[in-house]
Amino acid sequence: MTKIKELSELPFIEAYVTFRGQSLKLENVLIDTGSAGTIFNVNKLEAIGVKPEANDVTQTIQGVGGIEFVYTKNID
């Protein structure tokens, strides 16, 4: 079972991302029950080889923090 901790009245978990045989533990991942997908910081995922590739879709997203350029990658 995944342990949920509360920070600033928001739910957070630890998550493990595995990509092409390499794994990375991410701490303080916000659980967003209203989101259709999951967003991770690309700078952290580069440690296990996650990077934009030719077949990835790039998009612009906007939120409270401003505008960001992102890419979409499916990871099992």
N, C-alpha and C. Protein backbone atom coordinates (compact mmCIF):
# COMPACT_ATOMS: atom_id res chain seq x y z
N MET A 1 0.84 -1.18 0.00
CA MET A 1 0.00 0.00 0.00
C MET A 1 0.89 1.25 0.00
N THR A 2 0.49 2.24 -0.74
CA THR A 2 1.23 3.49 -0.82
C THR A 2 0.83 4.39 0.35
N LYS A 3 1.83 4.93 1.01
CA LYS A 3 1.59 5.83 2.12
C LYS A 3 1.39 7.25 1.58
N ILE A 4 0.32 7.88 2.00
CA ILE A 4 0.03 9.27 1.60
C ILE A 4 0.38 10.17 2.77
N LYS A 5 1.16 11.22 2.47
CA LYS A 5 1.45 12.21 3.51
C LYS A 5 0.88 13.55 3.10
N GLU A 6 0.58 14.35 4.08
CA GLU A 6 -0.04 15.65 3.83
C GLU A 6 0.98 16.76 4.05
N LEU A 7 1.14 17.59 3.03
CA LEU A 7 2.00 18.77 3.11
C LEU A 7 1.18 19.96 2.65
N SER A 8 1.10 20.99 3.47
CA SER A 8 0.29 22.18 3.13
C SER A 8 -1.13 21.79 2.74
N GLU A 9 -1.67 20.82 3.45
CA GLU A 9 -3.04 20.33 3.24
C GLU A 9 -3.26 19.68 1.88
N LEU A 10 -2.19 19.20 1.24
CA LEU A 10 -2.28 18.51 -0.05
C LEU A 10 -1.69 17.11 0.09
N PRO A 11 -2.23 16.13 -0.69
CA PRO A 11 -1.75 14.74 -0.58
C PRO A 11 -0.53 14.47 -1.47
N PHE A 12 0.51 13.90 -0.87
CA PHE A 12 1.74 13.57 -1.59
C PHE A 12 2.13 12.12 -1.35
N ILE A 13 2.82 11.51 -2.32
CA ILE A 13 3.33 10.15 -2.20
C ILE A 13 4.77 10.11 -2.72
N GLU A 14 5.43 8.97 -2.50
CA GLU A 14 6.68 8.66 -3.19
C GLU A 14 6.31 7.84 -4.41
N ALA A 15 6.98 8.07 -5.53
CA ALA A 15 6.69 7.32 -6.75
C ALA A 15 7.99 6.83 -7.36
N TYR A 16 7.92 5.68 -7.99
CA TYR A 16 9.06 5.12 -8.70
C TYR A 16 8.74 5.15 -10.19
N VAL A 17 9.66 5.71 -10.99
CA VAL A 17 9.50 5.75 -12.43
C VAL A 17 10.57 4.83 -13.02
N THR A 18 10.14 3.90 -13.87
CA THR A 18 11.08 3.00 -14.54
C THR A 18 10.98 3.25 -16.03
N PHE A 19 12.14 3.41 -16.66
CA PHE A 19 12.20 3.69 -18.09
C PHE A 19 13.37 2.92 -18.68
N ARG A 20 13.05 2.03 -19.61
CA ARG A 20 14.08 1.23 -20.29
C ARG A 20 15.04 0.56 -19.30
N GLY A 21 14.46 -0.02 -18.26
CA GLY A 21 15.25 -0.79 -17.30
C GLY A 21 15.91 -0.01 -16.18
N GLN A 22 15.80 1.31 -16.19
CA GLN A 22 16.37 2.13 -15.13
C GLN A 22 15.24 2.73 -14.29
N SER A 23 15.44 2.76 -12.97
CA SER A 23 14.41 3.27 -12.07
C SER A 23 14.89 4.49 -11.30
N LEU A 24 13.93 5.32 -10.93
CA LEU A 24 14.21 6.53 -10.17
C LEU A 24 13.10 6.71 -9.14
N LYS A 25 13.50 7.00 -7.90
CA LYS A 25 12.53 7.29 -6.84
C LYS A 25 12.30 8.79 -6.78
N LEU A 26 11.04 9.20 -6.86
CA LEU A 26 10.67 10.60 -6.76
C LEU A 26 9.90 10.80 -5.47
N GLU A 27 10.33 11.75 -4.67
CA GLU A 27 9.66 12.05 -3.41
C GLU A 27 8.72 13.24 -3.58
N ASN A 28 7.73 13.30 -2.74
CA ASN A 28 6.77 14.42 -2.72
C ASN A 28 6.10 14.64 -4.08
N VAL A 29 5.49 13.58 -4.60
CA VAL A 29 4.72 13.67 -5.84
C VAL A 29 3.28 13.98 -5.46
N LEU A 30 2.78 15.09 -5.95
CA LEU A 30 1.41 15.52 -5.64
C LEU A 30 0.41 14.62 -6.33
N ILE A 31 -0.59 14.17 -5.57
CA ILE A 31 -1.69 13.40 -6.15
C ILE A 31 -2.75 14.41 -6.60
N ASP A 32 -2.95 14.49 -7.90
CA ASP A 32 -3.94 15.41 -8.47
C ASP A 32 -5.09 14.59 -9.01
N THR A 33 -6.15 14.42 -8.22
CA THR A 33 -7.27 13.56 -8.61
C THR A 33 -8.08 14.12 -9.77
N GLY A 34 -7.88 15.38 -10.11
CA GLY A 34 -8.63 15.98 -11.21
C GLY A 34 -7.85 16.01 -12.52
N SER A 35 -6.66 15.45 -12.54
CA SER A 35 -5.82 15.51 -13.73
C SER A 35 -6.02 14.28 -14.60
N ALA A 36 -5.93 14.47 -15.91
CA ALA A 36 -6.04 13.36 -16.86
C ALA A 36 -4.69 12.67 -17.06
N GLY A 37 -3.62 13.26 -16.57
CA GLY A 37 -2.29 12.67 -16.75
C GLY A 37 -1.39 13.06 -15.60
N THR A 38 -0.14 12.66 -15.72
CA THR A 38 0.85 12.95 -14.69
C THR A 38 2.00 13.73 -15.30
N ILE A 39 2.45 14.76 -14.60
CA ILE A 39 3.55 15.60 -15.07
C ILE A 39 4.72 15.45 -14.10
N PHE A 40 5.90 15.14 -14.66
CA PHE A 40 7.12 15.06 -13.86
C PHE A 40 8.12 16.09 -14.37
N ASN A 41 9.02 16.51 -13.50
CA ASN A 41 10.08 17.44 -13.86
C ASN A 41 11.08 16.72 -14.76
N VAL A 42 11.23 17.20 -15.99
CA VAL A 42 12.11 16.55 -16.96
C VAL A 42 13.57 16.53 -16.49
N ASN A 43 13.97 17.51 -15.72
CA ASN A 43 15.36 17.54 -15.25
C ASN A 43 15.67 16.35 -14.34
N LYS A 44 14.71 15.91 -13.57
CA LYS A 44 14.90 14.74 -12.71
C LYS A 44 14.90 13.45 -13.52
N LEU A 45 14.00 13.34 -14.50
CA LEU A 45 13.88 12.11 -15.28
C LEU A 45 15.05 11.89 -16.25
N GLU A 46 15.79 12.93 -16.56
CA GLU A 46 16.96 12.77 -17.43
C GLU A 46 17.97 11.80 -16.83
N ALA A 47 17.97 11.66 -15.49
CA ALA A 47 18.90 10.77 -14.80
C ALA A 47 18.72 9.31 -15.23
N ILE A 48 17.53 8.93 -15.71
CA ILE A 48 17.30 7.57 -16.16
C ILE A 48 17.08 7.50 -17.68
N GLY A 49 17.46 8.55 -18.39
CA GLY A 49 17.43 8.53 -19.85
C GLY A 49 16.16 9.02 -20.50
N VAL A 50 15.23 9.55 -19.72
CA VAL A 50 14.01 10.10 -20.31
C VAL A 50 14.35 11.45 -20.93
N LYS A 51 14.11 11.57 -22.22
CA LYS A 51 14.38 12.83 -22.94
C LYS A 51 13.47 12.89 -24.16
N PRO A 52 13.28 14.07 -24.71
CA PRO A 52 12.41 14.18 -25.89
C PRO A 52 12.99 13.38 -27.06
N GLU A 53 12.10 12.69 -27.77
CA GLU A 53 12.48 11.94 -28.96
C GLU A 53 11.58 12.35 -30.10
N ALA A 54 11.94 11.98 -31.31
CA ALA A 54 11.24 12.44 -32.51
C ALA A 54 9.75 12.15 -32.50
N ASN A 55 9.33 11.04 -31.92
CA ASN A 55 7.90 10.67 -31.96
C ASN A 55 7.10 11.22 -30.77
N ASP A 56 7.73 11.98 -29.87
CA ASP A 56 7.02 12.58 -28.73
C ASP A 56 6.27 13.83 -29.17
N VAL A 57 5.12 14.05 -28.56
CA VAL A 57 4.30 15.23 -28.86
C VAL A 57 4.73 16.36 -27.94
N THR A 58 4.99 17.55 -28.49
CA THR A 58 5.32 18.71 -27.67
C THR A 58 4.10 19.62 -27.57
N GLN A 59 3.96 20.26 -26.41
CA GLN A 59 2.81 21.12 -26.16
C GLN A 59 3.23 22.29 -25.30
N THR A 60 2.37 23.28 -25.22
CA THR A 60 2.53 24.39 -24.30
C THR A 60 1.40 24.30 -23.28
N ILE A 61 1.76 24.36 -21.99
CA ILE A 61 0.74 24.34 -20.95
C ILE A 61 0.83 25.63 -20.14
N GLN A 62 -0.28 26.01 -19.53
CA GLN A 62 -0.32 27.24 -18.75
C GLN A 62 -0.99 26.96 -17.42
N GLY A 63 -0.43 27.51 -16.37
CA GLY A 63 -1.00 27.34 -15.04
C GLY A 63 -0.69 28.55 -14.18
N VAL A 64 -0.83 28.39 -12.90
CA VAL A 64 -0.60 29.48 -11.95
C VAL A 64 0.84 30.00 -12.08
N GLY A 65 1.80 29.10 -12.34
CA GLY A 65 3.21 29.48 -12.42
C GLY A 65 3.63 30.07 -13.75
N GLY A 66 2.74 30.11 -14.72
CA GLY A 66 3.07 30.67 -16.02
C GLY A 66 2.95 29.64 -17.13
N ILE A 67 3.72 29.84 -18.20
CA ILE A 67 3.67 28.99 -19.38
C ILE A 67 4.90 28.09 -19.40
N GLU A 68 4.70 26.81 -19.75
CA GLU A 68 5.79 25.85 -19.86
C GLU A 68 5.66 25.08 -21.17
N PHE A 69 6.80 24.72 -21.75
CA PHE A 69 6.82 23.83 -22.90
C PHE A 69 7.08 22.43 -22.37
N VAL A 70 6.25 21.48 -22.78
CA VAL A 70 6.35 20.11 -22.29
C VAL A 70 6.31 19.14 -23.47
N TYR A 71 6.71 17.91 -23.20
CA TYR A 71 6.53 16.86 -24.19
C TYR A 71 5.84 15.69 -23.54
N THR A 72 5.14 14.92 -24.35
CA THR A 72 4.38 13.79 -23.86
C THR A 72 5.09 12.49 -24.21
N LYS A 73 5.24 11.64 -23.22
CA LYS A 73 5.87 10.34 -23.42
C LYS A 73 5.09 9.31 -22.63
N ASN A 74 4.75 8.19 -23.26
CA ASN A 74 4.08 7.11 -22.55
C ASN A 74 5.13 6.23 -21.90
N ILE A 75 4.97 5.99 -20.60
CA ILE A 75 5.89 5.15 -19.84
C ILE A 75 5.05 4.11 -19.14
N ASP A 76 5.39 2.85 -19.30
CA ASP A 76 4.65 1.77 -18.62
C ASP A 76 4.96 1.79 -17.14
